[in-house]
Amino acid sequence: MDNTFHLAIIPDGNRRWAKQHGLKGYKELYDQGVAGLLDITESAFDNGVTHLSLWGSSHANIADRSSDFFTNIDRVFRDNIHKFAEHPVIEKYDVRINVIGEWRDSLTPKTVDAMEQAIAQTAHRSGRILTLLIDYSGTRERSAATHSILTDQDSTVPTEQLLRSRSWTGHLPELDLIVRTGAWTDPHNSAGFMSLLADETQYSFPELLWPDFNDKKLTEIIDEFNSRERRHGK
């Protein structure tokens, strides 16, 4: 796809930040994190991003954490998804909301319904794309795509495109930039995050935990990214 700018953000460091600031419960922490996401979403589109992907929770977050964690993160998704769907930036940039992952199988029915409403509310929009990755694992995405191919091999799709065509994220353009907070001392990807779109992706590891990351920092990162020479192996 031409003239696209696909940015993904991995908001890491919430619990370390909470420990530093003496927060013991999840509610205040994750409410604050969502508030920051709204400003950052607007900043991304203001800075020319056409496709913004936000990793809301990994599969491990949902499957392996305590019931208290699940109850609170489920509530955060349910109570805040409408803030994305009704945010002024949605109309300003004609933004459609996608939600990718296994969230329909794991979240409570009320939260799933809230997500579906947000998707439906913005389904007619086509200017820019906001993708929320909920209960998402790139490793599980690849496994699901491979299983689909093995169980249905009758396809007219060229071999080199087949895996992507069966993947959850295959309709999105290649990733240009991934920003991961909270990992500057151990810069890494996790769970194969969007790996089917990351062949030529560049990374940024700002020296901030997620609640300290803001729209101004994102603007700095995008400006720096735009100044780079991208050689793509040439």
C-alpha atoms as a PDB file:
ATOM      1  CA  MET A   1       0.000   0.000   0.000  1.00  0.00           C
ATOM      2  CA  ASP A   2       1.404   3.398  -0.994  1.00  0.00           C
ATOM      3  CA  ASN A   3       1.370   6.566   1.095  1.00  0.00           C
ATOM      4  CA  THR A   4       0.681   4.740   4.341  1.00  0.00           C
ATOM      5  CA  PHE A   5       2.372   5.173   7.690  1.00  0.00           C
ATOM      6  CA  HIS A   6       1.695   2.248  10.013  1.00  0.00           C
ATOM      7  CA  LEU A   7       2.728   2.848  13.610  1.00  0.00           C
ATOM      8  CA  ALA A   8       2.338   0.293  16.400  1.00  0.00           C
ATOM      9  CA  ILE A   9       2.748   1.016  20.094  1.00  0.00           C
ATOM     10  CA  ILE A  10       3.523  -1.503  22.847  1.00  0.00           C
ATOM     11  CA  PRO A  11       2.668   0.250  26.146  1.00  0.00           C
ATOM     12  CA  ASP A  12       4.982  -1.571  28.542  1.00  0.00           C
ATOM     13  CA  GLY A  13       5.917  -0.701  32.127  1.00  0.00           C
ATOM     14  CA  ASN A  14       2.559  -0.101  33.809  1.00  0.00           C
ATOM     15  CA  ARG A  15       3.149  -2.316  36.832  1.00  0.00           C
ATOM     16  CA  ARG A  16       6.703  -1.100  37.382  1.00  0.00           C
ATOM     17  CA  TRP A  17       5.413   2.467  37.310  1.00  0.00           C
ATOM     18  CA  ALA A  18       2.675   1.568  39.805  1.00  0.00           C
ATOM     19  CA  LYS A  19       5.227   0.026  42.153  1.00  0.00           C
ATOM     20  CA  GLN A  20       7.399   3.144  41.971  1.00  0.00           C
ATOM     21  CA  HIS A  21       4.398   5.353  42.789  1.00  0.00           C
ATOM     22  CA  GLY A  22       2.920   3.189  45.534  1.00  0.00           C
ATOM     23  CA  LEU A  23      -0.204   2.129  43.644  1.00  0.00           C
ATOM     24  CA  LYS A  24      -1.437  -1.264  44.778  1.00  0.00           C
ATOM     25  CA  GLY A  25      -4.661  -1.627  42.781  1.00  0.00           C
ATOM     26  CA  TYR A  26      -5.135  -1.970  39.045  1.00  0.00           C
ATOM     27  CA  LYS A  27      -8.092   0.408  38.608  1.00  0.00           C
ATOM     28  CA  GLU A  28      -6.351   3.778  38.952  1.00  0.00           C
ATOM     29  CA  LEU A  29      -3.319   2.595  37.006  1.00  0.00           C
ATOM     30  CA  TYR A  30      -5.185   1.352  33.934  1.00  0.00           C
ATOM     31  CA  ASP A  31      -7.646   4.238  33.894  1.00  0.00           C
ATOM     32  CA  GLN A  32      -4.659   6.567  33.723  1.00  0.00           C
ATOM     33  CA  GLY A  33      -3.077   4.498  30.978  1.00  0.00           C
ATOM     34  CA  VAL A  34      -6.192   4.721  28.821  1.00  0.00           C
ATOM     35  CA  ALA A  35      -6.411   8.486  29.287  1.00  0.00           C
ATOM     36  CA  GLY A  36      -2.889   8.783  27.934  1.00  0.00           C
ATOM     37  CA  LEU A  37      -3.766   6.597  24.959  1.00  0.00           C
ATOM     38  CA  LEU A  38      -6.454   9.026  23.811  1.00  0.00           C
ATOM     39  CA  ASP A  39      -3.986  11.929  23.611  1.00  0.00           C
ATOM     40  CA  ILE A  40      -1.387   9.730  21.943  1.00  0.00           C
ATOM     41  CA  THR A  41      -3.912   8.494  19.380  1.00  0.00           C
ATOM     42  CA  GLU A  42      -4.706  12.074  18.393  1.00  0.00           C
ATOM     43  CA  SER A  43      -1.009  12.959  18.246  1.00  0.00           C
ATOM     44  CA  ALA A  44      -0.287   9.997  15.983  1.00  0.00           C
ATOM     45  CA  PHE A  45      -2.902  10.993  13.422  1.00  0.00           C
ATOM     46  CA  ASP A  46      -1.910  14.667  13.668  1.00  0.00           C
ATOM     47  CA  ASN A  47       1.636  13.577  12.757  1.00  0.00           C
ATOM     48  CA  GLY A  48       0.659  11.747   9.587  1.00  0.00           C
ATOM     49  CA  VAL A  49       0.064   8.206  10.817  1.00  0.00           C
ATOM     50  CA  THR A  50      -2.556   6.498   8.650  1.00  0.00           C
ATOM     51  CA  HIS A  51      -2.710   3.183  10.541  1.00  0.00           C
ATOM     52  CA  LEU A  52      -2.251   3.098  14.318  1.00  0.00           C
ATOM     53  CA  SER A  53      -2.090  -0.241  16.143  1.00  0.00           C
ATOM     54  CA  LEU A  54      -2.184  -0.321  19.952  1.00  0.00           C
ATOM     55  CA  TRP A  55      -1.438  -3.509  21.929  1.00  0.00           C
ATOM     56  CA  GLY A  56      -4.046  -3.433  24.678  1.00  0.00           C
ATOM     57  CA  SER A  57      -3.264  -6.854  26.152  1.00  0.00           C
ATOM     58  CA  SER A  58      -1.375  -9.979  25.229  1.00  0.00           C
ATOM     59  CA  HIS A  59      -2.877 -13.455  25.336  1.00  0.00           C
ATOM     60  CA  ALA A  60      -0.700 -14.177  28.360  1.00  0.00           C
ATOM     61  CA  ASN A  61      -2.078 -11.093  30.128  1.00  0.00           C
ATOM     62  CA  ILE A  62      -5.577 -12.499  29.845  1.00  0.00           C
ATOM     63  CA  ALA A  63      -4.861 -16.197  30.310  1.00  0.00           C
ATOM     64  CA  ASP A  64      -2.206 -16.272  33.014  1.00  0.00           C
ATOM     65  CA  ARG A  65      -2.956 -13.403  35.386  1.00  0.00           C
ATOM     66  CA  SER A  66      -5.003 -13.277  38.578  1.00  0.00           C
ATOM     67  CA  SER A  67      -8.781 -12.931  38.590  1.00  0.00           C
ATOM     68  CA  ASP A  68      -8.355  -9.443  40.070  1.00  0.00           C
ATOM     69  CA  PHE A  69      -6.233  -8.384  37.110  1.00  0.00           C
ATOM     70  CA  PHE A  70      -8.702  -9.854  34.618  1.00  0.00           C
ATOM     71  CA  THR A  71     -11.707  -8.226  36.301  1.00  0.00           C
ATOM     72  CA  ASN A  72     -10.072  -4.815  36.174  1.00  0.00           C
ATOM     73  CA  ILE A  73      -8.682  -4.961  32.656  1.00  0.00           C
ATOM     74  CA  ASP A  74     -12.009  -6.289  31.391  1.00  0.00           C
ATOM     75  CA  ARG A  75     -13.734  -3.345  33.090  1.00  0.00           C
ATOM     76  CA  VAL A  76     -11.228  -0.873  31.634  1.00  0.00           C
ATOM     77  CA  PHE A  77     -11.933  -2.129  28.114  1.00  0.00           C
ATOM     78  CA  ARG A  78     -15.699  -2.026  28.666  1.00  0.00           C
ATOM     79  CA  ASP A  79     -15.766   1.417  30.274  1.00  0.00           C
ATOM     80  CA  ASN A  80     -13.364   3.117  27.874  1.00  0.00           C
ATOM     81  CA  ILE A  81     -13.880   1.712  24.392  1.00  0.00           C
ATOM     82  CA  HIS A  82     -16.651   4.243  23.750  1.00  0.00           C
ATOM     83  CA  LYS A  83     -14.177   7.048  24.496  1.00  0.00           C
ATOM     84  CA  PHE A  84     -12.225   5.957  21.452  1.00  0.00           C
ATOM     85  CA  ALA A  85     -15.314   5.595  19.258  1.00  0.00           C
ATOM     86  CA  GLU A  86     -16.634   9.023  20.286  1.00  0.00           C
ATOM     87  CA  HIS A  87     -13.308  10.903  20.419  1.00  0.00           C
ATOM     88  CA  PRO A  88     -13.231  14.037  18.191  1.00  0.00           C
ATOM     89  CA  VAL A  89     -10.232  12.633  16.319  1.00  0.00           C
ATOM     90  CA  ILE A  90     -12.458   9.840  14.948  1.00  0.00           C
ATOM     91  CA  GLU A  91     -14.580  12.326  13.017  1.00  0.00           C
ATOM     92  CA  LYS A  92     -11.651  14.637  12.244  1.00  0.00           C
ATOM     93  CA  TYR A  93      -9.689  11.917  10.460  1.00  0.00           C
ATOM     94  CA  ASP A  94     -12.606   9.620   9.509  1.00  0.00           C
ATOM     95  CA  VAL A  95     -11.156   6.773  11.616  1.00  0.00           C
ATOM     96  CA  ARG A  96     -12.394   3.189  11.588  1.00  0.00           C
ATOM     97  CA  ILE A  97     -11.773   1.061  14.685  1.00  0.00           C
ATOM     98  CA  ASN A  98     -10.663  -2.570  14.403  1.00  0.00           C
ATOM     99  CA  VAL A  99     -10.207  -4.945  17.335  1.00  0.00           C
ATOM    100  CA  ILE A 100      -7.940  -7.929  16.640  1.00  0.00           C
ATOM    101  CA  GLY A 101      -7.180 -10.932  18.829  1.00  0.00           C
ATOM    102  CA  GLU A 102      -9.057 -13.626  20.736  1.00  0.00           C
ATOM    103  CA  TRP A 103     -11.043 -11.142  22.826  1.00  0.00           C
ATOM    104  CA  ARG A 104     -14.423 -12.483  21.768  1.00  0.00           C
ATOM    105  CA  ASP A 105     -13.530 -15.797  23.427  1.00  0.00           C
ATOM    106  CA  SER A 106     -12.061 -14.385  26.637  1.00  0.00           C
ATOM    107  CA  LEU A 107     -13.725 -11.125  27.712  1.00  0.00           C
ATOM    108  CA  THR A 108     -17.076 -10.946  29.460  1.00  0.00           C
ATOM    109  CA  PRO A 109     -20.214 -10.694  27.287  1.00  0.00           C
ATOM    110  CA  LYS A 110     -20.847  -7.064  28.298  1.00  0.00           C
ATOM    111  CA  THR A 111     -17.318  -6.077  27.295  1.00  0.00           C
ATOM    112  CA  VAL A 112     -17.505  -7.983  24.018  1.00  0.00           C
ATOM    113  CA  ASP A 113     -20.766  -6.170  23.277  1.00  0.00           C
ATOM    114  CA  ALA A 114     -19.152  -2.782  24.006  1.00  0.00           C
ATOM    115  CA  MET A 115     -16.311  -3.635  21.629  1.00  0.00           C
ATOM    116  CA  GLU A 116     -18.724  -4.723  18.915  1.00  0.00           C
ATOM    117  CA  GLN A 117     -20.634  -1.464  19.289  1.00  0.00           C
ATOM    118  CA  ALA A 118     -17.462   0.585  18.794  1.00  0.00           C
ATOM    119  CA  ILE A 119     -16.564  -1.431  15.712  1.00  0.00           C
ATOM    120  CA  ALA A 120     -20.054  -0.982  14.261  1.00  0.00           C
ATOM    121  CA  GLN A 121     -20.162   2.722  15.162  1.00  0.00           C
ATOM    122  CA  THR A 122     -17.082   3.442  13.039  1.00  0.00           C
ATOM    123  CA  ALA A 123     -17.480   0.768  10.350  1.00  0.00           C
ATOM    124  CA  HIS A 124     -18.541   3.293   7.708  1.00  0.00           C
ATOM    125  CA  ARG A 125     -15.342   5.328   8.114  1.00  0.00           C
ATOM    126  CA  SER A 126     -12.361   4.822   5.832  1.00  0.00           C
ATOM    127  CA  GLY A 127      -9.897   7.691   6.259  1.00  0.00           C
ATOM    128  CA  ARG A 128      -7.557   6.120   8.800  1.00  0.00           C
ATOM    129  CA  ILE A 129      -7.468   2.897  10.791  1.00  0.00           C
ATOM    130  CA  LEU A 130      -7.142   2.447  14.569  1.00  0.00           C
ATOM    131  CA  THR A 131      -6.454  -1.170  15.500  1.00  0.00           C
ATOM    132  CA  LEU A 132      -6.695  -2.337  19.106  1.00  0.00           C
ATOM    133  CA  LEU A 133      -4.979  -5.663  19.753  1.00  0.00           C
ATOM    134  CA  ILE A 134      -6.787  -7.351  22.653  1.00  0.00           C
ATOM    135  CA  ASP A 135      -5.925 -10.852  23.895  1.00  0.00           C
ATOM    136  CA  TYR A 136      -3.404 -10.869  21.050  1.00  0.00           C
ATOM    137  CA  SER A 137      -0.319 -12.970  20.411  1.00  0.00           C
ATOM    138  CA  GLY A 138       1.596 -12.928  17.150  1.00  0.00           C
ATOM    139  CA  THR A 139       2.720 -16.469  17.846  1.00  0.00           C
ATOM    140  CA  ARG A 140      -0.896 -17.616  18.126  1.00  0.00           C
ATOM    141  CA  GLU A 141      -1.782 -15.570  15.036  1.00  0.00           C
ATOM    142  CA  ARG A 142       0.815 -17.429  12.973  1.00  0.00           C
ATOM    143  CA  SER A 143      -0.359 -20.766  14.351  1.00  0.00           C
ATOM    144  CA  ALA A 144      -3.985 -19.986  13.472  1.00  0.00           C
ATOM    145  CA  ALA A 145      -3.011 -18.877   9.950  1.00  0.00           C
ATOM    146  CA  THR A 146      -0.926 -22.017   9.414  1.00  0.00           C
ATOM    147  CA  HIS A 147      -3.759 -24.231  10.670  1.00  0.00           C
ATOM    148  CA  SER A 148      -6.146 -22.492   8.261  1.00  0.00           C
ATOM    149  CA  ILE A 149      -3.849 -23.229   5.347  1.00  0.00           C
ATOM    150  CA  LEU A 150      -3.360 -26.865   6.338  1.00  0.00           C
ATOM    151  CA  THR A 151      -7.091 -27.487   6.709  1.00  0.00           C
ATOM    152  CA  ASP A 152      -8.057 -25.650   3.513  1.00  0.00           C
ATOM    153  CA  GLN A 153      -5.362 -25.888   0.865  1.00  0.00           C
ATOM    154  CA  ASP A 154      -7.604 -24.970  -2.067  1.00  0.00           C
ATOM    155  CA  SER A 155      -6.566 -21.402  -2.621  1.00  0.00           C
ATOM    156  CA  THR A 156      -5.882 -19.181  -5.604  1.00  0.00           C
ATOM    157  CA  VAL A 157      -3.699 -16.904  -3.499  1.00  0.00           C
ATOM    158  CA  PRO A 158       0.014 -16.961  -4.497  1.00  0.00           C
ATOM    159  CA  THR A 159       2.147 -18.988  -2.095  1.00  0.00           C
ATOM    160  CA  GLU A 160       4.155 -16.001  -0.878  1.00  0.00           C
ATOM    161  CA  GLN A 161       0.921 -14.223   0.088  1.00  0.00           C
ATOM    162  CA  LEU A 162      -0.932 -17.185   1.555  1.00  0.00           C
ATOM    163  CA  LEU A 163       0.170 -16.970   5.194  1.00  0.00           C
ATOM    164  CA  ARG A 164      -0.597 -13.277   5.356  1.00  0.00           C
ATOM    165  CA  SER A 165      -3.970 -13.706   3.655  1.00  0.00           C
ATOM    166  CA  ARG A 166      -5.044 -16.129   6.391  1.00  0.00           C
ATOM    167  CA  SER A 167      -3.666 -14.054   9.282  1.00  0.00           C
ATOM    168  CA  TRP A 168      -5.631 -11.760  11.605  1.00  0.00           C
ATOM    169  CA  THR A 169      -3.573  -8.698  10.663  1.00  0.00           C
ATOM    170  CA  GLY A 170      -3.066  -9.483   6.981  1.00  0.00           C
ATOM    171  CA  HIS A 171      -5.388  -6.717   5.781  1.00  0.00           C
ATOM    172  CA  LEU A 172      -3.130  -4.076   7.335  1.00  0.00           C
ATOM    173  CA  PRO A 173      -0.109  -2.532   5.583  1.00  0.00           C
ATOM    174  CA  GLU A 174       3.479  -3.316   6.515  1.00  0.00           C
ATOM    175  CA  LEU A 175       4.601  -1.807   9.801  1.00  0.00           C
ATOM    176  CA  ASP A 176       6.868   1.205   9.486  1.00  0.00           C
ATOM    177  CA  LEU A 177       7.624   1.819  13.159  1.00  0.00           C
ATOM    178  CA  ILE A 178       7.068   0.060  16.475  1.00  0.00           C
ATOM    179  CA  VAL A 179       7.399   2.094  19.672  1.00  0.00           C
ATOM    180  CA  ARG A 180       7.860   0.078  22.849  1.00  0.00           C
ATOM    181  CA  THR A 181       8.017   1.844  26.191  1.00  0.00           C
ATOM    182  CA  GLY A 182       9.516   0.313  29.319  1.00  0.00           C
ATOM    183  CA  ALA A 183      12.089  -1.852  27.544  1.00  0.00           C
ATOM    184  CA  TRP A 184      15.105   0.356  26.885  1.00  0.00           C
ATOM    185  CA  THR A 185      17.357  -1.791  29.105  1.00  0.00           C
ATOM    186  CA  ASP A 186      16.134  -4.934  27.358  1.00  0.00           C
ATOM    187  CA  PRO A 187      14.966  -3.880  23.878  1.00  0.00           C
ATOM    188  CA  HIS A 188      12.912  -6.693  22.415  1.00  0.00           C
ATOM    189  CA  ASN A 189       9.701  -7.743  20.751  1.00  0.00           C
ATOM    190  CA  SER A 190       7.260 -10.050  22.575  1.00  0.00           C
ATOM    191  CA  ALA A 191       5.050 -12.958  21.534  1.00  0.00           C
ATOM    192  CA  GLY A 192       5.869 -12.398  17.866  1.00  0.00           C
ATOM    193  CA  PHE A 193       4.050  -9.057  17.961  1.00  0.00           C
ATOM    194  CA  MET A 194       2.637  -8.377  14.463  1.00  0.00           C
ATOM    195  CA  SER A 195       5.614 -10.289  13.039  1.00  0.00           C
ATOM    196  CA  LEU A 196       3.887 -11.011   9.729  1.00  0.00           C
ATOM    197  CA  LEU A 197       3.982  -7.270   8.994  1.00  0.00           C
ATOM    198  CA  ALA A 198       7.420  -6.470  10.408  1.00  0.00           C
ATOM    199  CA  ASP A 199       9.958  -7.461   7.733  1.00  0.00           C
ATOM    200  CA  GLU A 200      11.281  -3.892   7.325  1.00  0.00           C
ATOM    201  CA  THR A 201      10.067  -2.334  10.574  1.00  0.00           C
ATOM    202  CA  GLN A 202      12.140   0.102  12.592  1.00  0.00           C
ATOM    203  CA  TYR A 203      11.911   0.273  16.395  1.00  0.00           C
ATOM    204  CA  SER A 204      12.037   2.957  19.058  1.00  0.00           C
ATOM    205  CA  PHE A 205      12.627   2.203  22.738  1.00  0.00           C
ATOM    206  CA  PRO A 206      12.060   5.470  24.640  1.00  0.00           C
ATOM    207  CA  GLU A 207      13.489   5.526  28.162  1.00  0.00           C
ATOM    208  CA  LEU A 208      10.081   5.854  29.777  1.00  0.00           C
ATOM    209  CA  LEU A 209       7.553   3.591  31.464  1.00  0.00           C
ATOM    210  CA  TRP A 210       4.171   3.741  29.776  1.00  0.00           C
ATOM    211  CA  PRO A 211       2.330   6.137  32.150  1.00  0.00           C
ATOM    212  CA  ASP A 212       5.137   8.689  31.644  1.00  0.00           C
ATOM    213  CA  PHE A 213       4.918   8.497  27.844  1.00  0.00           C
ATOM    214  CA  ASN A 214       2.931  11.298  26.224  1.00  0.00           C
ATOM    215  CA  ASP A 215       1.921  12.910  22.953  1.00  0.00           C
ATOM    216  CA  LYS A 216       4.935  15.249  22.903  1.00  0.00           C
ATOM    217  CA  LYS A 217       7.336  12.329  23.177  1.00  0.00           C
ATOM    218  CA  LEU A 218       5.543  10.538  20.379  1.00  0.00           C
ATOM    219  CA  THR A 219       5.875  13.620  18.165  1.00  0.00           C
ATOM    220  CA  GLU A 220       9.632  13.649  18.858  1.00  0.00           C
ATOM    221  CA  ILE A 221       9.906   9.970  17.915  1.00  0.00           C
ATOM    222  CA  ILE A 222       7.953  10.420  14.687  1.00  0.00           C
ATOM    223  CA  ASP A 223      10.012  13.468  13.722  1.00  0.00           C
ATOM    224  CA  GLU A 224      13.208  11.487  14.322  1.00  0.00           C
ATOM    225  CA  PHE A 225      11.860   8.536  12.343  1.00  0.00           C
ATOM    226  CA  ASN A 226      10.930  10.772   9.413  1.00  0.00           C
ATOM    227  CA  SER A 227      14.500  12.112   9.346  1.00  0.00           C
ATOM    228  CA  ARG A 228      16.063   8.665   8.931  1.00  0.00           C
ATOM    229  CA  GLU A 229      17.321   7.287   5.634  1.00  0.00           C
ATOM    230  CA  ARG A 230      15.465   4.041   5.031  1.00  0.00           C
ATOM    231  CA  ARG A 231      17.607   1.825   2.808  1.00  0.00           C
ATOM    232  CA  HIS A 232      15.549  -1.436   3.015  1.00  0.00           C
ATOM    233  CA  GLY A 233      18.718  -3.515   2.662  1.00  0.00           C
ATOM    234  CA  LYS A 234      20.019  -1.627  -0.414  1.00  0.00           C
END
